């Protein structure tokens, strides 16, 4: 991987040198902590964990026009008993759950079989429960960092106001705490207009313009338009149908996650469809890389950085007690986030993907350990992480 990690702070992106010793220290932190405990002296101490995760497998966001649909039976949405966990949703100030225009739009689209678009499925719930169990192994069984039951004082949970994300969060928490809690679970969310957990063109006209312009240019690039036309022609989809690689990939990915029969033609082009989807989003992003990343994930990265600073110098007893922060996001969040951090692996973020940042303290030194889907990607000293860009948004 690259020796450079890129982190956005205060709405700008800073570029930080990734030293080998910083990575080594972060990679060895769990082992050193265990060894230090056995020897009776202090080692690296885990102080804060932040996990940003994509929802589990779901129904497609909309069907492919002009193509035969898979059968999406309501049985695919059944809730496994082990994933059940009561929770409440509020706005950022503790008020009622905001209205969700996205959810309303999903309810207007009915898939073949009778289910709505964009719904979390049993498979997706199981994926999120498994992610929760992985986090449990690390932060409860191996490190004793978290209490074995959910405690509101230790865990802060935020999600986009979309049902599949709220339900994914429920399943993750059920796996993490094995349905045990010592207080109510509250998931906070925001109005769609001001949400920062995904690139938000609703409150940023510039981002909307750049995305629209970039997508139009991307589709005219040599090879991309030809490949799309070839697939549409072989699938019998007319040129007048609004079909792009994102829609094709969304449908076949959902079908394969649930072992549903896919169009044989589309299935034969799976690798191309995924690669072209990545190519398109990379092309749109890299047209104005720094500005696009600032507008896409700058506010979220600022929030992550603020959480780190608050953990180092807590402004209140409540913040000092906090150990875990969970953010339920989307693939379109994780994509630019990985680019910003310099660890994008050129693959589309899968269902239940997670980016985890661990904050450690050793004596007066602080450092970050970043993992993606359970694999260590970056070890940074805090000084490296906290380098500010010369210009601010």
Protein backbone atom coordinates (compact mmCIF):
# COMPACT_ATOMS: atom_id res chain seq x y z
CA UNK A 1 0.00 0.00 0.00
CA UNK A 2 1.00 3.63 -0.28
CA UNK A 3 3.16 5.18 2.44
CA UNK A 4 0.82 8.15 2.47
CA UNK A 5 -2.34 8.45 4.50
CA UNK A 6 -4.67 11.28 3.66
CA UNK A 7 -6.90 12.72 6.33
CA UNK A 8 -9.35 15.62 6.04
CA UNK A 9 -9.60 18.00 9.00
CA UNK A 10 -11.72 21.11 9.52
CA UNK A 11 -13.22 20.71 6.08
CA UNK A 12 -9.83 20.46 4.33
CA UNK A 13 -7.68 17.47 3.49
CA UNK A 14 -4.30 17.09 5.07
CA UNK A 15 -1.63 14.79 3.71
CA UNK A 16 0.27 12.93 6.40
CA UNK A 17 3.45 10.86 6.13
CA UNK A 18 2.86 7.26 7.11
CA UNK A 19 6.07 6.19 8.87
CA UNK A 20 6.91 2.50 9.19
CA UNK A 21 7.41 2.78 12.95
CA UNK A 22 3.95 4.34 13.34
CA UNK A 23 2.34 1.47 11.51
CA UNK A 24 4.34 -1.10 13.42
CA UNK A 25 3.33 0.42 16.74
CA UNK A 26 -0.35 0.39 15.78
CA UNK A 27 -0.23 -3.14 14.42
CA UNK A 28 1.46 -4.40 17.58
CA UNK A 29 -0.73 -2.46 20.02
CA UNK A 30 -3.13 -5.31 20.93
CA UNK A 31 -0.26 -7.77 21.47
CA UNK A 32 1.81 -5.25 23.42
CA UNK A 33 -1.15 -4.42 25.60
CA UNK A 34 -1.68 -8.10 26.46
CA UNK A 35 2.01 -8.65 27.15
CA UNK A 36 2.18 -5.54 29.32
CA UNK A 37 -0.82 -6.67 31.34
CA UNK A 38 0.79 -10.05 31.97
CA UNK A 39 4.04 -8.38 33.00
CA UNK A 40 2.22 -6.02 35.33
CA UNK A 41 3.17 -2.74 33.65
CA UNK A 42 1.46 -0.32 31.29
CA UNK A 43 1.37 -0.76 27.53
CA UNK A 44 -0.58 0.99 24.77
CA UNK A 45 -4.03 1.79 26.13
CA UNK A 46 -7.06 1.76 23.87
CA UNK A 47 -9.05 4.94 24.54
CA UNK A 48 -11.62 5.28 21.76
CA UNK A 49 -13.02 3.23 18.90
CA UNK A 50 -14.94 4.71 15.96
CA UNK A 51 -16.62 2.35 13.49
CA UNK A 52 -18.17 3.48 10.22
CA UNK A 53 -20.07 0.69 8.50
CA UNK A 54 -22.19 0.05 5.45
CA UNK A 55 -25.58 -1.60 5.87
CA UNK A 56 -26.10 -5.28 5.14
CA UNK A 57 -27.47 -6.87 1.96
CA UNK A 58 -30.74 -5.39 0.71
CA UNK A 59 -33.20 -5.38 -2.13
CA UNK A 60 -32.15 -3.32 -5.18
CA UNK A 61 -32.78 0.44 -5.15
CA UNK A 62 -34.81 0.07 -8.33
CA UNK A 63 -35.29 -2.59 -11.01
CA UNK A 64 -33.54 -2.52 -14.36
CA UNK A 65 -36.08 -1.21 -16.89
CA UNK A 66 -36.67 -3.51 -19.81
CA UNK A 67 -35.06 -6.53 -18.09
CA UNK A 68 -36.58 -9.58 -16.42
CA UNK A 69 -36.63 -9.14 -12.65
CA UNK A 70 -35.71 -11.65 -9.98
CA UNK A 71 -38.45 -12.69 -7.55
CA UNK A 72 -38.05 -10.83 -4.24
CA UNK A 73 -40.23 -12.79 -1.83
CA UNK A 74 -41.34 -11.22 1.50
CA UNK A 75 -39.79 -14.29 3.15
CA UNK A 76 -36.39 -12.78 2.34
CA UNK A 77 -37.14 -10.00 4.84
CA UNK A 78 -37.81 -12.21 7.87
CA UNK A 79 -36.00 -11.09 11.03
CA UNK A 80 -33.71 -13.70 12.67
CA UNK A 81 -34.53 -13.93 16.38
CA UNK A 82 -30.93 -13.33 17.50
CA UNK A 83 -30.85 -9.94 15.75
CA UNK A 84 -33.82 -8.48 17.64
CA UNK A 85 -32.88 -5.57 19.93
CA UNK A 86 -35.18 -2.71 20.95
CA UNK A 87 -34.08 0.82 20.10
CA UNK A 88 -35.40 4.35 19.74
CA UNK A 89 -34.60 6.86 16.99
CA UNK A 90 -34.30 10.60 17.68
CA UNK A 91 -32.96 13.65 15.92
CA UNK A 92 -29.61 15.12 16.94
CA UNK A 93 -31.14 17.04 19.83
CA UNK A 94 -33.19 14.16 21.25
CA UNK A 95 -36.40 15.19 19.50
CA UNK A 96 -38.67 13.05 17.31
CA UNK A 97 -37.26 11.06 14.41
CA UNK A 98 -37.07 13.32 11.33
CA UNK A 99 -39.01 12.73 8.14
CA UNK A 100 -37.10 10.70 5.53
CA UNK A 101 -37.76 11.64 1.88
CA UNK A 102 -35.48 8.83 0.71
CA UNK A 103 -37.50 6.22 2.58
CA UNK A 104 -40.71 7.62 1.14
CA UNK A 105 -39.27 7.25 -2.37
CA UNK A 106 -38.23 3.63 -1.72
CA UNK A 107 -41.81 2.86 -0.66
CA UNK A 108 -43.01 3.99 -4.08
CA UNK A 109 -40.96 1.28 -5.82
CA UNK A 110 -42.24 -2.29 -5.56
CA UNK A 111 -40.02 -5.10 -6.73
CA UNK A 112 -41.30 -8.27 -8.36
CA UNK A 113 -42.51 -10.40 -5.46
CA UNK A 114 -44.08 -7.53 -3.56
CA UNK A 115 -41.28 -6.05 -1.45
CA UNK A 116 -40.13 -2.45 -1.52
CA UNK A 117 -36.83 -1.21 -2.90
CA UNK A 118 -33.80 -0.72 -0.64
CA UNK A 119 -34.98 -2.95 2.22
CA UNK A 120 -32.60 -4.82 4.53
CA UNK A 121 -33.03 -8.58 4.14
CA UNK A 122 -32.49 -11.58 6.39
CA UNK A 123 -29.10 -12.08 4.72
CA UNK A 124 -28.21 -8.46 5.45
CA UNK A 125 -29.31 -8.78 9.07
CA UNK A 126 -27.11 -11.85 9.48
CA UNK A 127 -24.16 -10.02 7.92
CA UNK A 128 -24.54 -7.17 10.41
CA UNK A 129 -24.95 -9.54 13.34
CA UNK A 130 -21.70 -11.24 12.25
CA UNK A 131 -19.95 -7.86 12.14
CA UNK A 132 -21.20 -7.19 15.66
CA UNK A 133 -19.82 -10.55 16.80
CA UNK A 134 -16.43 -9.70 15.28
CA UNK A 135 -16.39 -6.42 17.19
CA UNK A 136 -17.40 -8.30 20.33
CA UNK A 137 -14.46 -10.67 20.00
CA UNK A 138 -12.06 -7.78 19.71
CA UNK A 139 -13.41 -5.21 22.15
CA UNK A 140 -15.03 -7.40 24.80
CA UNK A 141 -13.42 -10.84 24.79
CA UNK A 142 -9.86 -10.01 23.73
CA UNK A 143 -9.30 -6.52 25.17
CA UNK A 144 -12.04 -6.10 27.81
CA UNK A 145 -12.43 -2.58 26.47
CA UNK A 146 -16.23 -2.53 26.42
CA UNK A 147 -18.71 -3.77 28.96
CA UNK A 148 -20.33 -7.08 27.89
CA UNK A 149 -23.78 -5.43 27.91
CA UNK A 150 -24.74 -2.22 26.11
CA UNK A 151 -24.31 0.88 28.27
CA UNK A 152 -25.56 4.25 26.96
CA UNK A 153 -22.67 5.97 28.72
CA UNK A 154 -20.09 3.97 26.73
CA UNK A 155 -21.64 3.85 23.27
CA UNK A 156 -22.82 6.64 20.96
CA UNK A 157 -24.79 5.55 17.89
CA UNK A 158 -25.60 7.64 14.83
CA UNK A 159 -27.19 6.56 11.54
CA UNK A 160 -28.58 8.01 8.38
CA UNK A 161 -32.37 8.24 8.56
CA UNK A 162 -32.92 5.28 6.27
CA UNK A 163 -34.56 2.13 7.60
CA UNK A 164 -32.00 -0.34 6.25
CA UNK A 165 -29.27 1.53 8.13
CA UNK A 166 -31.26 1.78 11.35
CA UNK A 167 -32.05 -1.93 11.18
CA UNK A 168 -28.44 -2.77 10.29
CA UNK A 169 -27.36 -0.88 13.40
CA UNK A 170 -29.83 -2.89 15.48
CA UNK A 171 -28.37 -6.16 14.18
CA UNK A 172 -24.79 -5.04 14.76
CA UNK A 173 -25.59 -4.07 18.34
CA UNK A 174 -27.38 -7.38 18.90
CA UNK A 175 -24.25 -9.24 17.78
CA UNK A 176 -21.90 -6.98 19.71
CA UNK A 177 -23.78 -7.16 23.01
CA UNK A 178 -25.66 -10.44 22.51
CA UNK A 179 -28.97 -8.65 23.11
CA UNK A 180 -27.86 -7.58 26.60
CA UNK A 181 -28.26 -3.96 27.69
CA UNK A 182 -28.12 -1.85 30.82
CA UNK A 183 -30.12 1.09 29.56
CA UNK A 184 -32.05 2.20 26.47
CA UNK A 185 -30.51 2.18 23.01
CA UNK A 186 -30.92 5.49 21.18
CA UNK A 187 -29.88 5.94 17.57
CA UNK A 188 -29.59 9.59 16.57
CA UNK A 189 -30.09 10.79 13.04
CA UNK A 190 -30.42 14.03 11.10
CA UNK A 191 -32.63 15.73 8.56
CA UNK A 192 -31.87 14.70 4.97
CA UNK A 193 -30.97 18.29 4.06
CA UNK A 194 -28.15 18.52 6.61
CA UNK A 195 -26.96 14.89 6.80
CA UNK A 196 -23.14 14.49 6.78
CA UNK A 197 -22.99 10.69 6.78
CA UNK A 198 -23.11 10.59 2.98
CA UNK A 199 -22.08 13.01 0.20
CA UNK A 200 -25.02 15.38 0.26
CA UNK A 201 -25.80 17.26 -2.96
CA UNK A 202 -29.04 18.51 -1.40
CA UNK A 203 -27.18 21.03 0.74
CA UNK A 204 -24.26 21.56 -1.65
CA UNK A 205 -25.13 22.86 -5.10
CA UNK A 206 -21.49 22.75 -6.13
CA UNK A 207 -21.25 19.03 -5.37
CA UNK A 208 -24.46 18.38 -7.28
CA UNK A 209 -23.14 20.28 -10.30
CA UNK A 210 -19.76 18.52 -10.21
CA UNK A 211 -21.36 15.08 -9.90
CA UNK A 212 -23.76 15.72 -12.78
CA UNK A 213 -21.06 17.16 -15.00
CA UNK A 214 -18.55 14.46 -14.07
CA UNK A 215 -20.99 11.64 -14.74
CA UNK A 216 -21.84 13.05 -18.17
CA UNK A 217 -18.16 13.30 -19.06
CA UNK A 218 -17.41 9.85 -17.65
CA UNK A 219 -20.03 8.18 -19.81
CA UNK A 220 -18.45 9.74 -22.89
CA UNK A 221 -15.02 8.31 -22.11
CA UNK A 222 -13.65 5.77 -24.62
CA UNK A 223 -14.64 2.26 -23.66
CA UNK A 224 -17.20 3.09 -20.99
CA UNK A 225 -20.09 4.05 -23.28
CA UNK A 226 -19.22 1.21 -25.68
CA UNK A 227 -19.22 -1.35 -22.88
CA UNK A 228 -22.55 -0.11 -21.55
CA UNK A 229 -24.16 -0.20 -24.99
CA UNK A 230 -22.84 -3.72 -25.57
CA UNK A 231 -24.40 -5.00 -22.34
CA UNK A 232 -27.71 -3.23 -22.96
CA UNK A 233 -27.89 -4.60 -26.49
CA UNK A 234 -27.18 -8.17 -25.37
CA UNK A 235 -29.79 -7.81 -22.60
CA UNK A 236 -32.34 -6.46 -25.07
CA UNK A 237 -32.59 -3.07 -23.34
CA UNK A 238 -33.39 -0.16 -25.63
CA UNK A 239 -31.22 2.96 -25.70
CA UNK A 240 -34.14 5.02 -24.44
CA UNK A 241 -34.05 3.20 -21.09
CA UNK A 242 -32.27 4.99 -18.23
CA UNK A 243 -29.70 2.33 -17.41
CA UNK A 244 -26.11 2.85 -16.22
CA UNK A 245 -23.40 0.69 -14.66
CA UNK A 246 -24.41 1.69 -11.12
CA UNK A 247 -27.93 0.32 -11.65
CA UNK A 248 -26.65 -2.88 -13.27
CA UNK A 249 -24.16 -3.50 -10.47
CA UNK A 250 -26.68 -2.72 -7.74
CA UNK A 251 -29.11 -5.31 -9.08
CA UNK A 252 -26.69 -8.13 -9.75
CA UNK A 253 -24.89 -7.61 -6.44
CA UNK A 254 -28.20 -7.84 -4.56
CA UNK A 255 -29.29 -10.91 -6.52
CA UNK A 256 -26.04 -12.76 -5.93
CA UNK A 257 -26.02 -11.95 -2.21
CA UNK A 258 -29.36 -13.76 -1.95
CA UNK A 259 -28.60 -16.60 -4.41
CA UNK A 260 -31.30 -15.36 -6.76
CA UNK A 261 -31.09 -16.09 -10.48
CA UNK A 262 -29.53 -13.21 -12.40
CA UNK A 263 -29.82 -12.45 -16.07
CA UNK A 264 -27.23 -14.80 -17.69
CA UNK A 265 -25.97 -12.00 -19.92
CA UNK A 266 -25.53 -9.58 -17.02
CA UNK A 267 -23.93 -12.30 -14.90
CA UNK A 268 -21.35 -12.95 -17.61
CA UNK A 269 -20.38 -9.26 -17.48
CA UNK A 270 -20.21 -9.03 -13.66
CA UNK A 271 -16.50 -8.25 -13.47
CA UNK A 272 -16.80 -5.56 -16.13
CA UNK A 273 -19.87 -4.03 -14.48
CA UNK A 274 -18.15 -3.74 -11.11
CA UNK A 275 -14.96 -2.33 -12.62
CA UNK A 276 -16.84 0.21 -14.71
CA UNK A 277 -18.84 1.30 -11.65
CA UNK A 278 -15.58 1.92 -9.80
CA UNK A 279 -14.12 3.65 -12.87
CA UNK A 280 -17.10 5.99 -13.12
CA UNK A 281 -17.03 7.04 -9.49
CA UNK A 282 -13.25 7.48 -9.56
CA UNK A 283 -13.50 9.59 -12.70
CA UNK A 284 -16.17 11.83 -11.15
CA UNK A 285 -14.17 12.20 -7.93
CA UNK A 286 -10.78 12.78 -9.49
CA UNK A 287 -11.95 15.55 -11.82
CA UNK A 288 -11.61 17.88 -8.83
CA UNK A 289 -10.18 15.46 -6.27
CA UNK A 290 -9.46 17.73 -3.34
CA UNK A 291 -12.65 19.77 -3.67
CA UNK A 292 -14.85 16.73 -4.26
CA UNK A 293 -13.50 14.92 -1.20
CA UNK A 294 -13.87 18.05 0.91
CA UNK A 295 -17.54 18.34 -0.03
CA UNK A 296 -18.22 14.59 0.11
CA UNK A 297 -16.67 13.61 3.45
CA UNK A 298 -15.02 16.76 4.84
CA UNK A 299 -17.71 17.39 7.50
CA UNK A 300 -17.66 13.73 8.51
CA UNK A 301 -13.87 13.68 8.81
CA UNK A 302 -14.02 16.83 10.90
CA UNK A 303 -16.44 15.07 13.24
CA UNK A 304 -14.15 12.04 13.47
CA UNK A 305 -11.21 14.31 14.28
CA UNK A 306 -13.23 16.18 16.90
CA UNK A 307 -14.11 12.87 18.56
CA UNK A 308 -10.40 12.10 18.79
CA UNK A 309 -9.57 15.47 20.30
CA UNK A 310 -12.41 15.12 22.80
CA UNK A 311 -11.12 11.69 23.83
CA UNK A 312 -7.66 13.17 24.45
CA UNK A 313 -8.97 16.20 26.33
CA UNK A 314 -12.56 15.39 27.40
CA UNK A 315 -14.77 18.50 27.72
CA UNK A 316 -17.20 16.70 30.08
CA UNK A 317 -17.52 13.54 32.21
CA UNK A 318 -20.03 12.19 29.68
CA UNK A 319 -17.52 12.47 26.83
CA UNK A 320 -14.78 10.97 29.00
CA UNK A 321 -16.91 7.86 29.61
CA UNK A 322 -17.54 7.30 25.91
CA UNK A 323 -15.61 4.38 24.41
CA UNK A 324 -17.33 3.45 21.17
CA UNK A 325 -18.87 5.60 18.44
CA UNK A 326 -20.84 3.90 15.68
CA UNK A 327 -21.79 5.51 12.35
CA UNK A 328 -24.17 3.72 9.98
CA UNK A 329 -23.21 5.02 6.54
CA UNK A 330 -23.33 3.91 2.89
CA UNK A 331 -21.05 2.67 0.12
CA UNK A 332 -20.97 6.20 -1.32
CA UNK A 333 -19.59 7.34 2.05
CA UNK A 334 -16.95 4.65 2.44
CA UNK A 335 -15.71 5.11 -1.14
CA UNK A 336 -14.53 8.75 -0.74
CA UNK A 337 -13.55 8.10 2.89
CA UNK A 338 -11.07 5.42 1.79
CA UNK A 339 -9.79 7.74 -0.93
CA UNK A 340 -9.29 10.52 1.63
CA UNK A 341 -7.36 8.19 3.92
CA UNK A 342 -5.23 6.91 1.03
CA UNK A 343 -6.29 3.29 1.47
CA UNK A 344 -8.79 2.73 -1.35
CA UNK A 345 -8.27 -0.77 -2.76
CA UNK A 346 -9.98 -0.15 -6.13
CA UNK A 347 -12.94 -2.34 -5.16
CA UNK A 348 -16.52 -1.34 -4.41
CA UNK A 349 -17.21 -1.42 -0.64
CA UNK A 350 -19.19 -4.64 0.01
CA UNK A 351 -22.29 -5.01 2.13
CA UNK A 352 -21.43 -4.72 5.86
CA UNK A 353 -18.05 -3.13 5.08
CA UNK A 354 -16.48 -1.33 8.03
CA UNK A 355 -13.79 1.29 8.56
CA UNK A 356 -12.56 1.27 12.17
CA UNK A 357 -10.28 3.81 13.84
CA UNK A 358 -8.77 2.94 17.22
CA UNK A 359 -7.16 5.65 19.34
CA UNK A 360 -4.31 4.45 21.60
CA UNK A 361 -2.29 6.20 24.28
CA UNK A 362 1.18 5.14 25.39
CA UNK A 363 2.62 7.47 28.02
CA UNK A 364 2.31 10.95 26.45
CA UNK A 365 2.09 9.63 22.89
CA UNK A 366 -1.11 8.98 20.97
CA UNK A 367 -1.55 7.02 17.77
CA UNK A 368 -4.23 5.66 15.45
CA UNK A 369 -4.80 2.15 14.17
CA UNK A 370 -7.07 1.97 11.12
CA UNK A 371 -8.63 -1.25 9.85
CA UNK A 372 -10.84 -1.91 6.85
CA UNK A 373 -13.02 -5.01 7.02
CA UNK A 374 -10.88 -6.31 9.87
CA UNK A 375 -7.50 -5.86 8.16
CA UNK A 376 -4.91 -3.35 9.40
CA UNK A 377 -4.22 -0.62 6.85
CA UNK A 378 -2.62 2.27 8.69
CA UNK A 379 -0.65 2.99 11.84
CA UNK A 380 -0.25 6.72 12.47
CA UNK A 381 1.09 8.75 15.33
CA UNK A 382 -1.38 11.41 16.42
CA UNK A 383 0.97 14.16 15.24
CA UNK A 384 0.80 12.71 11.74
CA UNK A 385 -2.95 12.46 11.84
CA UNK A 386 -3.43 15.99 13.13
CA UNK A 387 -1.47 17.83 10.43
CA UNK A 388 -3.68 20.60 9.11
CA UNK A 389 -3.95 21.65 5.51
CA UNK A 390 -2.84 25.18 4.77
CA UNK A 391 -6.29 26.15 3.50
CA UNK A 392 -9.65 25.59 5.16
CA UNK A 393 -13.04 25.07 3.59
